[in-house]
Amino acid sequence: MRKVIVNEFLSLDGGAQAPGGAEEDTDGGFANGGWHMQYMEDEPTQRWVLKSIDEASGFLLGRRTYEIFAAFWPNAPEEEQVVAEPLNSKPKYVVSTTLSAPLEWENSTLLEGEVADAVAALKQEDGGDLHVIGSTQLVRTLIANGLVDELRLMIDPVAVGGGKRIFPDDGGLRSWRLVDGQITSLGAILTTYAPA
């Protein structure tokens, strides 16, 4: 059975919105986009991020993350090819109610039907693990339906004061156990959790 592994950048107060840039996602008036990038400067962090991308056999993406990635990675500059190549070449499964097939970015498939059912079916297929990047709404749905096998969280020492979160706000109690953790030279924490 394939695993679903969630890879997220989180602020200390649980924010996951717009880690990469000011204009990435301003929904709800969020004005602190780009809060994460200063913590990507050390080599162990870059290796940790690249390892997850390299070991994924495919990616699960929500619509917004898909659109951001599809606009950038196919034409990424040479110095970004170490990330671009696996993102471009590996299968991508996209959850959206507004996009229609066929999707333009190579190796991208629009998932049909209920999200939980479609992802549960993907997990039953042969193949390696599926990684989720960003996609906060999708991650909340996956967690709420017990479909996440591992959380890989980079928790940055910054509070963003709001924004989108990855954990469902549904009153559910969900326990996780720490599988691995390390502190970067810039004070971020690289963690791996599995359902307890």
N, C-alpha and C. Protein backbone atom coordinates (compact mmCIF):
# COMPACT_ATOMS: atom_id res chain seq x y z
N MET A 1 0.83 -1.18 0.00
CA MET A 1 0.00 0.00 0.00
C MET A 1 0.88 1.25 0.00
N ARG A 2 0.53 2.21 -0.84
CA ARG A 2 1.28 3.45 -0.90
C ARG A 2 0.96 4.33 0.31
N LYS A 3 1.92 5.11 0.73
CA LYS A 3 1.70 6.08 1.79
C LYS A 3 1.41 7.45 1.19
N VAL A 4 0.69 8.25 1.96
CA VAL A 4 0.53 9.67 1.66
C VAL A 4 1.36 10.43 2.69
N ILE A 5 2.34 11.17 2.20
CA ILE A 5 3.26 11.92 3.05
C ILE A 5 3.06 13.40 2.79
N VAL A 6 2.73 14.14 3.84
CA VAL A 6 2.49 15.58 3.73
C VAL A 6 3.77 16.32 4.08
N ASN A 7 4.18 17.22 3.19
CA ASN A 7 5.36 18.07 3.39
C ASN A 7 4.89 19.52 3.50
N GLU A 8 5.12 20.13 4.65
CA GLU A 8 4.63 21.50 4.86
C GLU A 8 5.67 22.36 5.56
N PHE A 9 5.63 23.64 5.22
CA PHE A 9 6.35 24.66 5.96
C PHE A 9 5.32 25.34 6.86
N LEU A 10 5.59 25.35 8.17
CA LEU A 10 4.67 25.96 9.13
C LEU A 10 5.37 27.05 9.92
N SER A 11 4.60 28.08 10.25
CA SER A 11 5.09 29.08 11.19
C SER A 11 4.90 28.54 12.60
N LEU A 12 5.50 29.18 13.56
CA LEU A 12 5.40 28.75 14.95
C LEU A 12 3.95 28.77 15.43
N ASP A 13 3.13 29.67 14.90
CA ASP A 13 1.73 29.73 15.29
C ASP A 13 0.82 28.95 14.34
N GLY A 14 1.40 28.04 13.55
CA GLY A 14 0.62 27.11 12.75
C GLY A 14 0.23 27.59 11.37
N GLY A 15 0.69 28.75 10.95
CA GLY A 15 0.35 29.25 9.62
C GLY A 15 1.08 28.48 8.54
N ALA A 16 0.38 28.25 7.42
CA ALA A 16 0.99 27.56 6.28
C ALA A 16 0.77 28.34 4.99
N GLN A 17 0.15 29.50 5.08
CA GLN A 17 -0.22 30.26 3.90
C GLN A 17 0.96 31.04 3.34
N ALA A 18 1.15 30.96 2.03
CA ALA A 18 2.11 31.78 1.29
C ALA A 18 3.52 31.78 1.87
N PRO A 19 4.12 30.61 2.09
CA PRO A 19 5.47 30.61 2.63
C PRO A 19 6.51 31.16 1.66
N GLY A 20 6.24 31.05 0.35
CA GLY A 20 7.26 31.35 -0.64
C GLY A 20 7.37 32.77 -1.14
N GLY A 21 6.30 33.56 -1.04
CA GLY A 21 6.39 34.90 -1.58
C GLY A 21 5.20 35.77 -1.23
N ALA A 22 5.39 37.07 -1.30
CA ALA A 22 4.37 38.05 -0.89
C ALA A 22 3.08 37.92 -1.68
N GLU A 23 3.17 37.60 -2.97
CA GLU A 23 1.98 37.53 -3.81
C GLU A 23 1.47 36.11 -4.02
N GLU A 24 2.07 35.14 -3.33
CA GLU A 24 1.73 33.74 -3.54
C GLU A 24 0.26 33.44 -3.22
N ASP A 25 -0.23 33.95 -2.11
CA ASP A 25 -1.62 33.71 -1.70
C ASP A 25 -2.02 34.79 -0.70
N THR A 26 -2.80 35.75 -1.16
CA THR A 26 -3.22 36.86 -0.30
C THR A 26 -4.67 36.71 0.15
N ASP A 27 -5.25 35.52 -0.02
CA ASP A 27 -6.63 35.28 0.43
C ASP A 27 -6.81 35.75 1.86
N GLY A 28 -7.98 36.32 2.13
CA GLY A 28 -8.29 36.76 3.48
C GLY A 28 -7.47 37.95 3.93
N GLY A 29 -6.82 38.64 2.98
CA GLY A 29 -5.99 39.79 3.33
C GLY A 29 -4.65 39.42 3.93
N PHE A 30 -4.22 38.16 3.75
CA PHE A 30 -2.93 37.73 4.33
C PHE A 30 -1.80 38.55 3.72
N ALA A 31 -1.04 39.23 4.58
CA ALA A 31 -0.02 40.16 4.11
C ALA A 31 1.40 39.76 4.47
N ASN A 32 1.59 38.55 4.99
CA ASN A 32 2.92 38.15 5.44
C ASN A 32 3.54 37.07 4.56
N GLY A 33 3.15 37.02 3.30
CA GLY A 33 3.70 36.02 2.40
C GLY A 33 5.22 36.13 2.27
N GLY A 34 5.85 34.98 2.11
CA GLY A 34 7.31 34.94 2.00
C GLY A 34 8.03 34.73 3.32
N TRP A 35 7.28 34.50 4.37
CA TRP A 35 7.83 34.38 5.72
C TRP A 35 8.81 33.23 5.87
N HIS A 36 8.72 32.24 5.02
CA HIS A 36 9.53 31.02 5.18
C HIS A 36 10.92 31.10 4.54
N MET A 37 11.08 31.85 3.48
CA MET A 37 12.27 31.74 2.64
C MET A 37 13.58 32.01 3.37
N GLN A 38 13.58 32.86 4.37
CA GLN A 38 14.82 33.14 5.10
C GLN A 38 15.36 31.92 5.85
N TYR A 39 14.51 30.92 6.07
CA TYR A 39 14.93 29.73 6.81
C TYR A 39 15.40 28.59 5.89
N MET A 40 15.41 28.85 4.59
CA MET A 40 15.84 27.84 3.62
C MET A 40 17.33 27.96 3.27
N GLU A 41 18.03 28.83 3.94
CA GLU A 41 19.39 29.17 3.54
C GLU A 41 20.45 28.13 3.91
N ASP A 42 20.19 27.27 4.90
CA ASP A 42 21.28 26.35 5.28
C ASP A 42 21.17 25.04 4.50
N GLU A 43 22.31 24.41 4.31
CA GLU A 43 22.41 23.23 3.46
C GLU A 43 21.62 22.03 3.98
N PRO A 44 21.62 21.74 5.30
CA PRO A 44 20.82 20.61 5.78
C PRO A 44 19.33 20.76 5.46
N THR A 45 18.82 21.97 5.53
CA THR A 45 17.41 22.21 5.20
C THR A 45 17.16 21.94 3.73
N GLN A 46 18.02 22.42 2.87
CA GLN A 46 17.87 22.20 1.44
C GLN A 46 17.93 20.71 1.11
N ARG A 47 18.83 19.97 1.76
CA ARG A 47 18.91 18.52 1.55
C ARG A 47 17.63 17.82 2.01
N TRP A 48 17.08 18.26 3.14
CA TRP A 48 15.86 17.67 3.70
C TRP A 48 14.69 17.85 2.73
N VAL A 49 14.56 19.06 2.19
CA VAL A 49 13.48 19.35 1.24
C VAL A 49 13.67 18.54 -0.04
N LEU A 50 14.89 18.54 -0.58
CA LEU A 50 15.16 17.83 -1.82
C LEU A 50 14.97 16.31 -1.67
N LYS A 51 15.33 15.77 -0.52
CA LYS A 51 15.16 14.33 -0.28
C LYS A 51 13.70 13.93 -0.43
N SER A 52 12.79 14.72 0.12
CA SER A 52 11.36 14.40 0.01
C SER A 52 10.89 14.45 -1.44
N ILE A 53 11.35 15.42 -2.17
CA ILE A 53 10.95 15.54 -3.58
C ILE A 53 11.51 14.37 -4.39
N ASP A 54 12.77 14.02 -4.13
CA ASP A 54 13.41 12.92 -4.86
C ASP A 54 12.77 11.57 -4.57
N GLU A 55 12.41 11.32 -3.31
CA GLU A 55 11.91 9.99 -2.96
C GLU A 55 10.43 9.80 -3.29
N ALA A 56 9.72 10.87 -3.59
CA ALA A 56 8.30 10.75 -3.96
C ALA A 56 8.18 10.01 -5.29
N SER A 57 7.17 9.14 -5.39
CA SER A 57 6.91 8.53 -6.69
C SER A 57 5.88 9.34 -7.45
N GLY A 58 5.20 10.24 -6.75
CA GLY A 58 4.23 11.14 -7.37
C GLY A 58 3.79 12.16 -6.34
N PHE A 59 2.99 13.13 -6.79
CA PHE A 59 2.58 14.23 -5.93
C PHE A 59 1.07 14.39 -5.96
N LEU A 60 0.51 14.71 -4.81
CA LEU A 60 -0.89 15.12 -4.69
C LEU A 60 -0.89 16.62 -4.48
N LEU A 61 -1.64 17.35 -5.30
CA LEU A 61 -1.64 18.80 -5.22
C LEU A 61 -3.06 19.34 -5.25
N GLY A 62 -3.31 20.38 -4.46
CA GLY A 62 -4.55 21.13 -4.58
C GLY A 62 -4.45 22.08 -5.76
N ARG A 63 -5.57 22.68 -6.13
CA ARG A 63 -5.62 23.53 -7.31
C ARG A 63 -4.65 24.71 -7.23
N ARG A 64 -4.66 25.44 -6.14
CA ARG A 64 -3.81 26.64 -6.06
C ARG A 64 -2.32 26.27 -6.15
N THR A 65 -1.91 25.25 -5.42
CA THR A 65 -0.50 24.82 -5.49
C THR A 65 -0.17 24.34 -6.89
N TYR A 66 -1.07 23.57 -7.50
CA TYR A 66 -0.86 23.12 -8.87
C TYR A 66 -0.64 24.32 -9.81
N GLU A 67 -1.49 25.32 -9.73
CA GLU A 67 -1.38 26.47 -10.63
C GLU A 67 -0.08 27.24 -10.42
N ILE A 68 0.33 27.40 -9.16
CA ILE A 68 1.59 28.09 -8.87
C ILE A 68 2.77 27.28 -9.43
N PHE A 69 2.78 25.98 -9.17
CA PHE A 69 3.87 25.12 -9.64
C PHE A 69 3.90 25.03 -11.15
N ALA A 70 2.72 24.85 -11.78
CA ALA A 70 2.65 24.69 -13.24
C ALA A 70 3.09 25.95 -13.96
N ALA A 71 2.96 27.10 -13.31
CA ALA A 71 3.40 28.36 -13.93
C ALA A 71 4.91 28.56 -13.81
N PHE A 72 5.54 27.89 -12.84
CA PHE A 72 6.97 28.14 -12.60
C PHE A 72 7.88 26.98 -13.02
N TRP A 73 7.59 25.76 -12.54
CA TRP A 73 8.57 24.67 -12.66
C TRP A 73 8.86 24.21 -14.09
N PRO A 74 7.93 24.22 -15.02
CA PRO A 74 8.29 23.80 -16.38
C PRO A 74 9.32 24.72 -17.06
N ASN A 75 9.41 25.96 -16.59
CA ASN A 75 10.35 26.93 -17.17
C ASN A 75 11.36 27.43 -16.14
N ALA A 76 11.62 26.62 -15.13
CA ALA A 76 12.52 27.03 -14.05
C ALA A 76 13.93 27.25 -14.58
N PRO A 77 14.67 28.19 -13.98
CA PRO A 77 16.05 28.44 -14.41
C PRO A 77 16.95 27.24 -14.12
N GLU A 78 18.09 27.22 -14.75
CA GLU A 78 19.03 26.10 -14.66
C GLU A 78 19.38 25.76 -13.21
N GLU A 79 19.59 26.77 -12.37
CA GLU A 79 19.99 26.51 -10.99
C GLU A 79 18.87 25.85 -10.17
N GLU A 80 17.65 25.84 -10.68
CA GLU A 80 16.52 25.22 -9.98
C GLU A 80 16.18 23.83 -10.54
N GLN A 81 16.95 23.33 -11.51
CA GLN A 81 16.60 22.08 -12.16
C GLN A 81 16.66 20.86 -11.24
N VAL A 82 17.43 20.93 -10.18
CA VAL A 82 17.50 19.81 -9.24
C VAL A 82 16.12 19.57 -8.60
N VAL A 83 15.32 20.62 -8.47
CA VAL A 83 13.94 20.50 -7.97
C VAL A 83 12.97 20.36 -9.13
N ALA A 84 13.19 21.13 -10.18
CA ALA A 84 12.26 21.15 -11.31
C ALA A 84 12.13 19.80 -12.00
N GLU A 85 13.25 19.10 -12.19
CA GLU A 85 13.22 17.85 -12.95
C GLU A 85 12.29 16.81 -12.33
N PRO A 86 12.42 16.51 -11.02
CA PRO A 86 11.48 15.54 -10.45
C PRO A 86 10.04 16.05 -10.42
N LEU A 87 9.85 17.34 -10.16
CA LEU A 87 8.49 17.87 -10.14
C LEU A 87 7.85 17.80 -11.52
N ASN A 88 8.61 18.07 -12.54
CA ASN A 88 8.07 18.04 -13.90
C ASN A 88 7.82 16.61 -14.39
N SER A 89 8.71 15.69 -14.07
CA SER A 89 8.66 14.36 -14.68
C SER A 89 7.78 13.35 -13.95
N LYS A 90 7.60 13.52 -12.65
CA LYS A 90 6.83 12.53 -11.88
C LYS A 90 5.33 12.81 -12.00
N PRO A 91 4.51 11.77 -11.78
CA PRO A 91 3.06 11.96 -11.85
C PRO A 91 2.56 12.94 -10.80
N LYS A 92 1.58 13.74 -11.21
CA LYS A 92 0.94 14.69 -10.31
C LYS A 92 -0.56 14.44 -10.37
N TYR A 93 -1.17 14.28 -9.19
CA TYR A 93 -2.61 14.07 -9.08
C TYR A 93 -3.20 15.33 -8.46
N VAL A 94 -4.11 15.96 -9.17
CA VAL A 94 -4.58 17.29 -8.79
C VAL A 94 -6.04 17.22 -8.35
N VAL A 95 -6.32 17.82 -7.19
CA VAL A 95 -7.67 17.90 -6.66
C VAL A 95 -8.20 19.30 -6.96
N SER A 96 -9.30 19.35 -7.70
CA SER A 96 -9.91 20.64 -8.04
C SER A 96 -11.34 20.43 -8.49
N THR A 97 -12.19 21.39 -8.13
CA THR A 97 -13.55 21.40 -8.64
C THR A 97 -13.71 22.42 -9.76
N THR A 98 -12.64 23.18 -10.05
CA THR A 98 -12.75 24.22 -11.07
C THR A 98 -11.90 23.96 -12.30
N LEU A 99 -10.84 23.17 -12.19
CA LEU A 99 -10.02 22.84 -13.35
C LEU A 99 -10.71 21.74 -14.15
N SER A 100 -10.36 21.65 -15.43
CA SER A 100 -10.90 20.57 -16.24
C SER A 100 -9.77 19.88 -16.99
N ALA A 101 -9.97 18.60 -17.25
CA ALA A 101 -8.97 17.79 -17.95
C ALA A 101 -9.07 18.07 -19.45
N PRO A 102 -7.98 17.92 -20.18
CA PRO A 102 -6.65 17.54 -19.70
C PRO A 102 -5.90 18.73 -19.11
N LEU A 103 -5.06 18.45 -18.12
CA LEU A 103 -4.24 19.49 -17.50
C LEU A 103 -2.98 19.69 -18.34
N GLU A 104 -2.52 20.93 -18.40
CA GLU A 104 -1.40 21.27 -19.29
C GLU A 104 -0.04 20.80 -18.80
N TRP A 105 0.21 20.85 -17.49
CA TRP A 105 1.53 20.48 -16.98
C TRP A 105 1.73 18.98 -17.19
N GLU A 106 2.86 18.61 -17.76
CA GLU A 106 3.12 17.21 -18.09
C GLU A 106 2.91 16.29 -16.89
N ASN A 107 2.40 15.09 -17.18
CA ASN A 107 2.19 14.05 -16.18
C ASN A 107 1.21 14.45 -15.08
N SER A 108 0.27 15.33 -15.39
CA SER A 108 -0.73 15.76 -14.41
C SER A 108 -2.09 15.15 -14.73
N THR A 109 -2.75 14.64 -13.69
CA THR A 109 -4.06 14.01 -13.82
C THR A 109 -5.02 14.66 -12.84
N LEU A 110 -6.19 15.02 -13.31
CA LEU A 110 -7.22 15.58 -12.45
C LEU A 110 -7.95 14.42 -11.76
N LEU A 111 -8.00 14.44 -10.42
CA LEU A 111 -8.71 13.39 -9.69
C LEU A 111 -10.21 13.63 -9.78
N GLU A 112 -10.95 12.59 -10.05
CA GLU A 112 -12.40 12.68 -10.20
C GLU A 112 -13.09 12.19 -8.93
N GLY A 113 -14.29 12.70 -8.68
CA GLY A 113 -15.11 12.23 -7.57
C GLY A 113 -14.72 12.83 -6.23
N GLU A 114 -15.20 12.18 -5.17
CA GLU A 114 -14.91 12.64 -3.81
C GLU A 114 -13.42 12.49 -3.52
N VAL A 115 -12.84 13.51 -2.91
CA VAL A 115 -11.40 13.53 -2.65
C VAL A 115 -10.97 12.33 -1.83
N ALA A 116 -11.66 12.08 -0.72
CA ALA A 116 -11.25 10.98 0.17
C ALA A 116 -11.28 9.64 -0.56
N ASP A 117 -12.31 9.41 -1.35
CA ASP A 117 -12.41 8.15 -2.10
C ASP A 117 -11.31 8.03 -3.15
N ALA A 118 -11.05 9.13 -3.87
CA ALA A 118 -10.04 9.11 -4.93
C ALA A 118 -8.65 8.87 -4.37
N VAL A 119 -8.34 9.51 -3.24
CA VAL A 119 -7.01 9.34 -2.63
C VAL A 119 -6.89 7.94 -2.02
N ALA A 120 -7.95 7.46 -1.39
CA ALA A 120 -7.92 6.09 -0.84
C ALA A 120 -7.66 5.08 -1.96
N ALA A 121 -8.25 5.29 -3.12
CA ALA A 121 -8.03 4.39 -4.26
C ALA A 121 -6.58 4.49 -4.75
N LEU A 122 -6.02 5.69 -4.80
CA LEU A 122 -4.61 5.85 -5.20
C LEU A 122 -3.69 5.11 -4.24
N LYS A 123 -4.00 5.16 -2.95
CA LYS A 123 -3.17 4.49 -1.95
C LYS A 123 -3.16 2.97 -2.16
N GLN A 124 -4.22 2.43 -2.73
CA GLN A 124 -4.32 0.99 -2.95
C GLN A 124 -3.54 0.53 -4.18
N GLU A 125 -3.19 1.46 -5.06
CA GLU A 125 -2.47 1.10 -6.28
C GLU A 125 -1.03 0.71 -5.97
N ASP A 126 -0.43 -0.03 -6.89
CA ASP A 126 0.99 -0.34 -6.78
C ASP A 126 1.79 0.92 -7.01
N GLY A 127 2.95 0.98 -6.41
CA GLY A 127 3.83 2.12 -6.62
C GLY A 127 4.34 2.68 -5.31
N GLY A 128 5.19 3.67 -5.45
CA GLY A 128 5.79 4.30 -4.29
C GLY A 128 4.88 5.34 -3.66
N ASP A 129 5.42 6.04 -2.68
CA ASP A 129 4.65 6.97 -1.88
C ASP A 129 4.30 8.24 -2.65
N LEU A 130 3.16 8.81 -2.26
CA LEU A 130 2.67 10.06 -2.82
C LEU A 130 2.91 11.17 -1.82
N HIS A 131 3.50 12.26 -2.28
CA HIS A 131 3.81 13.38 -1.40
C HIS A 131 2.90 14.56 -1.72
N VAL A 132 2.43 15.21 -0.66
CA VAL A 132 1.65 16.42 -0.79
C VAL A 132 2.56 17.58 -0.44
N ILE A 133 2.54 18.62 -1.27
CA ILE A 133 3.30 19.84 -1.01
C ILE A 133 2.29 20.98 -0.96
N GLY A 134 2.40 21.84 0.08
CA GLY A 134 1.46 22.96 0.18
C GLY A 134 0.04 22.44 0.30
N SER A 135 -0.87 23.01 -0.51
CA SER A 135 -2.23 22.46 -0.66
C SER A 135 -2.96 22.35 0.67
N THR A 136 -3.06 23.45 1.41
CA THR A 136 -3.61 23.42 2.76
C THR A 136 -5.02 22.84 2.84
N GLN A 137 -5.89 23.21 1.94
CA GLN A 137 -7.26 22.70 1.98
C GLN A 137 -7.28 21.18 1.75
N LEU A 138 -6.49 20.72 0.80
CA LEU A 138 -6.39 19.28 0.55
C LEU A 138 -5.84 18.56 1.78
N VAL A 139 -4.81 19.11 2.40
CA VAL A 139 -4.22 18.47 3.58
C VAL A 139 -5.24 18.36 4.70
N ARG A 140 -6.03 19.42 4.93
CA ARG A 140 -7.07 19.35 5.97
C ARG A 140 -8.04 18.21 5.68
N THR A 141 -8.43 18.06 4.42
CA THR A 141 -9.35 16.98 4.04
C THR A 141 -8.70 15.62 4.28
N LEU A 142 -7.44 15.48 3.90
CA LEU A 142 -6.75 14.20 4.08
C LEU A 142 -6.61 13.84 5.55
N ILE A 143 -6.25 14.81 6.38
CA ILE A 143 -6.13 14.56 7.82
C ILE A 143 -7.49 14.20 8.41
N ALA A 144 -8.52 14.94 8.04
CA ALA A 144 -9.86 14.69 8.58
C ALA A 144 -10.36 13.28 8.24
N ASN A 145 -9.89 12.74 7.12
CA ASN A 145 -10.33 11.41 6.67
C ASN A 145 -9.33 10.30 6.98
N GLY A 146 -8.32 10.61 7.79
CA GLY A 146 -7.37 9.59 8.20
C GLY A 146 -6.51 9.04 7.08
N LEU A 147 -6.21 9.86 6.08
CA LEU A 147 -5.47 9.39 4.91
C LEU A 147 -4.00 9.78 4.91
N VAL A 148 -3.54 10.47 5.95
CA VAL A 148 -2.14 10.89 6.03
C VAL A 148 -1.34 9.87 6.83
N ASP A 149 -0.30 9.34 6.21
CA ASP A 149 0.56 8.35 6.87
C ASP A 149 1.77 8.98 7.54
N GLU A 150 2.12 10.17 7.11
CA GLU A 150 3.30 10.84 7.68
C GLU A 150 3.20 12.33 7.43
N LEU A 151 3.58 13.11 8.45
CA LEU A 151 3.70 14.56 8.33
C LEU A 151 5.18 14.93 8.41
N ARG A 152 5.67 15.63 7.42
CA ARG A 152 7.03 16.17 7.47
C ARG A 152 6.89 17.69 7.52
N LEU A 153 7.14 18.23 8.70
CA LEU A 153 6.90 19.64 8.95
C LEU A 153 8.20 20.37 9.23
N MET A 154 8.41 21.45 8.52
CA MET A 154 9.49 22.37 8.86
C MET A 154 8.83 23.52 9.60
N ILE A 155 9.10 23.63 10.89
CA ILE A 155 8.47 24.64 11.73
C ILE A 155 9.46 25.78 11.95
N ASP A 156 9.12 26.94 11.40
CA ASP A 156 10.02 28.09 11.44
C ASP A 156 9.77 28.94 12.68
N PRO A 157 10.82 29.55 13.24
CA PRO A 157 10.67 30.37 14.45
C PRO A 157 10.14 31.77 14.13
N VAL A 158 8.93 31.80 13.60
CA VAL A 158 8.28 33.07 13.27
C VAL A 158 6.78 32.87 13.42
N ALA A 159 6.09 33.88 13.92
CA ALA A 159 4.63 33.85 14.02
C ALA A 159 4.08 34.79 12.95
N VAL A 160 3.12 34.28 12.17
CA VAL A 160 2.59 35.08 11.05
C VAL A 160 1.24 35.71 11.36
N GLY A 161 0.67 35.42 12.52
CA GLY A 161 -0.52 36.12 12.96
C GLY A 161 -1.81 35.75 12.26
N GLY A 162 -1.86 34.62 11.60
CA GLY A 162 -3.09 34.21 10.92
C GLY A 162 -2.78 33.41 9.69
N GLY A 163 -3.75 33.36 8.79
CA GLY A 163 -3.57 32.64 7.54
C GLY A 163 -4.09 31.21 7.60
N LYS A 164 -3.94 30.53 6.50
CA LYS A 164 -4.46 29.17 6.35
C LYS A 164 -3.65 28.19 7.19
N ARG A 165 -4.35 27.17 7.67
CA ARG A 165 -3.76 26.13 8.51
C ARG A 165 -3.94 24.77 7.83
N ILE A 166 -3.18 23.77 8.28
CA ILE A 166 -3.32 22.44 7.69
C ILE A 166 -4.18 21.51 8.54
N PHE A 167 -4.38 21.83 9.81
CA PHE A 167 -5.15 20.93 10.66
C PHE A 167 -6.62 21.32 10.67
N PRO A 168 -7.52 20.34 10.55
CA PRO A 168 -8.95 20.64 10.55
C PRO A 168 -9.39 21.29 11.86
N ASP A 169 -10.26 22.25 11.76
CA ASP A 169 -10.82 22.93 12.92
C ASP A 169 -12.20 22.33 13.20
N ASP A 170 -12.21 21.02 13.49
CA ASP A 170 -13.47 20.30 13.60
C ASP A 170 -13.70 19.68 14.99
N GLY A 171 -12.85 20.04 15.94
CA GLY A 171 -13.00 19.50 17.29
C GLY A 171 -12.46 18.10 17.46
N GLY A 172 -11.93 17.50 16.39
CA GLY A 172 -11.40 16.15 16.47
C GLY A 172 -10.04 16.11 17.16
N LEU A 173 -9.84 15.09 17.99
CA LEU A 173 -8.56 14.88 18.67
C LEU A 173 -7.77 13.87 17.85
N ARG A 174 -6.59 14.26 17.40
CA ARG A 174 -5.74 13.39 16.59
C ARG A 174 -4.34 13.37 17.21
N SER A 175 -3.86 12.19 17.51
CA SER A 175 -2.54 12.06 18.14
C SER A 175 -1.50 11.67 17.10
N TRP A 176 -0.32 12.24 17.25
CA TRP A 176 0.81 11.95 16.36
C TRP A 176 2.00 11.60 17.22
N ARG A 177 2.89 10.78 16.68
CA ARG A 177 4.13 10.47 17.41
C ARG A 177 5.31 10.98 16.59
N LEU A 178 6.29 11.52 17.30
CA LEU A 178 7.48 12.06 16.65
C LEU A 178 8.37 10.90 16.21
N VAL A 179 8.68 10.87 14.91
CA VAL A 179 9.54 9.83 14.34
C VAL A 179 10.96 10.33 14.20
N ASP A 180 11.12 11.61 13.87
CA ASP A 180 12.44 12.19 13.66
C ASP A 180 12.36 13.69 13.87
N GLY A 181 13.45 14.28 14.29
CA GLY A 181 13.49 15.73 14.46
C GLY A 181 14.91 16.24 14.55
N GLN A 182 15.12 17.42 14.00
CA GLN A 182 16.41 18.08 14.10
C GLN A 182 16.22 19.58 14.04
N ILE A 183 17.15 20.31 14.62
CA ILE A 183 17.08 21.77 14.64
C ILE A 183 18.11 22.30 13.66
N THR A 184 17.70 23.25 12.82
CA THR A 184 18.62 23.83 11.84
C THR A 184 19.44 24.94 12.48
N SER A 185 20.46 25.36 11.78
CA SER A 185 21.32 26.44 12.28
C SER A 185 20.57 27.76 12.38
N LEU A 186 19.44 27.88 11.68
CA LEU A 186 18.65 29.11 11.70
C LEU A 186 17.47 29.02 12.67
N GLY A 187 17.40 27.93 13.43
CA GLY A 187 16.39 27.80 14.47
C GLY A 187 15.09 27.16 14.05
N ALA A 188 14.99 26.71 12.82
CA ALA A 188 13.80 25.97 12.39
C ALA A 188 13.93 24.52 12.86
N ILE A 189 12.80 23.85 12.96
CA ILE A 189 12.78 22.45 13.39
C ILE A 189 12.25 21.60 12.24
N LEU A 190 13.02 20.58 11.86
CA LEU A 190 12.63 19.65 10.81
C LEU A 190 12.09 18.40 11.49
N THR A 191 10.80 18.14 11.34
CA THR A 191 10.16 17.06 12.08
C THR A 191 9.46 16.07 11.15
N THR A 192 9.37 14.85 11.61
CA THR A 192 8.56 13.84 10.94
C THR A 192 7.66 13.21 12.00
N TYR A 193 6.35 13.19 11.71
CA TYR A 193 5.36 12.60 12.59
C TYR A 193 4.59 11.52 11.86
N ALA A 194 4.16 10.51 12.60
CA ALA A 194 3.27 9.48 12.09
C ALA A 194 2.05 9.42 13.01
N PRO A 195 0.91 8.98 12.49
CA PRO A 195 -0.25 8.85 13.37
C PRO A 195 0.08 7.93 14.54
N ALA A 196 -0.36 8.32 15.74
CA ALA A 196 -0.04 7.52 16.93
C ALA A 196 -0.99 6.35 17.02
